[in-house]
Protein backbone atom coordinates (compact mmCIF):
# COMPACT_ATOMS: atom_id res chain seq x y z
CA MET A 1 272.40 215.19 228.88
CA ALA A 2 275.24 213.20 227.38
CA LEU A 3 274.53 209.70 226.08
CA PRO A 4 276.77 207.94 228.67
CA SER A 5 274.93 209.72 231.50
CA PHE A 6 271.58 208.79 230.00
CA ALA A 7 272.68 205.17 229.62
CA GLN A 8 273.79 205.13 233.26
CA HIS A 9 270.36 206.38 234.37
CA LEU A 10 268.68 203.66 232.30
CA LYS A 11 270.97 201.07 233.88
CA VAL A 12 269.92 202.15 237.38
CA LEU A 13 266.23 201.99 236.42
CA GLU A 14 266.75 198.53 234.96
CA GLU A 15 268.68 197.27 238.00
CA CYS A 16 265.83 198.30 240.32
CA GLY A 17 263.28 196.65 238.05
CA LEU A 18 261.42 199.75 236.88
CA ILE A 19 262.26 199.09 233.23
CA THR A 20 263.36 196.22 231.05
CA SER A 21 265.42 196.65 227.93
CA GLU A 22 266.47 194.65 224.93
CA LYS A 23 268.85 195.30 222.12
CA ARG A 24 267.32 195.28 218.64
CA GLY A 25 270.01 195.78 216.05
CA ARG A 26 271.79 199.01 216.87
CA SER A 27 268.96 200.24 219.11
CA ARG A 28 268.07 199.52 222.71
CA TRP A 29 264.34 199.34 223.42
CA CYS A 30 263.11 200.02 226.94
CA ARG A 31 259.78 199.11 228.45
CA LEU A 32 258.25 200.26 231.75
CA VAL A 33 257.38 197.55 234.27
CA GLN A 34 253.96 198.72 235.47
CA ALA A 35 253.87 196.46 238.54
CA ARG A 36 257.11 197.94 239.87
CA PHE A 37 255.80 201.49 239.35
CA SER A 38 252.65 200.53 241.27
CA GLU A 39 254.82 199.20 244.11
CA ALA A 40 256.82 202.43 244.12
CA ALA A 41 253.62 204.52 244.15
CA ASP A 42 252.26 202.48 247.08
CA TRP A 43 255.52 202.96 248.98
CA MET A 44 255.48 206.73 248.30
CA ASP A 45 251.87 206.96 249.50
CA ALA A 46 252.78 205.15 252.73
CA GLU A 47 255.80 207.39 253.28
CA ARG A 48 253.72 210.51 252.57
CA TRP A 49 251.17 209.33 255.17
CA ARG A 50 253.92 208.71 257.75
CA ALA A 51 255.46 212.14 257.11
CA THR A 52 252.06 213.81 257.46
CA GLU A 53 251.44 212.00 260.74
CA ARG A 54 254.84 213.08 262.08
CA LEU A 55 254.27 216.69 261.07
CA ASP A 56 250.82 216.65 262.68
CA ARG A 57 252.34 215.34 265.93
CA LEU A 58 255.08 217.98 265.75
CA GLU A 59 252.49 220.70 265.23
CA LEU A 60 250.52 219.46 268.25
CA TYR A 61 253.67 219.36 270.37
CA LEU A 62 254.70 222.87 269.36
CA ASP A 63 251.19 224.20 269.96
CA ASN A 64 251.23 222.67 273.45
CA LYS A 65 254.67 224.14 274.16
CA GLU A 66 253.47 227.55 273.00
CA ASP A 67 250.39 227.31 275.24
CA GLU A 68 252.59 226.38 278.21
CA GLY A 69 254.80 229.40 277.54
CA HIS A 70 251.92 231.91 277.54
CA GLY A 71 250.38 230.64 280.76
CA GLY A 72 253.51 230.87 282.90
CA PRO A 73 254.83 233.69 285.08
CA VAL A 74 256.38 236.69 283.39
């Protein structure tokens, strides 16, 4: 990955609060913001739960549709 691309990725992470950075001489030091990662993990867990619930409902619906199809006239 080229340095400008890497710097752009770091900028996005900093803008959303996942990292902080500071310039020390010619170097830029980055630090993870643990609280923001915890928030992101909580959000992902909630979204994973919602997706699982939706897929479970879809599976139930499709099973019911399949059962209706087998019981009908041929």
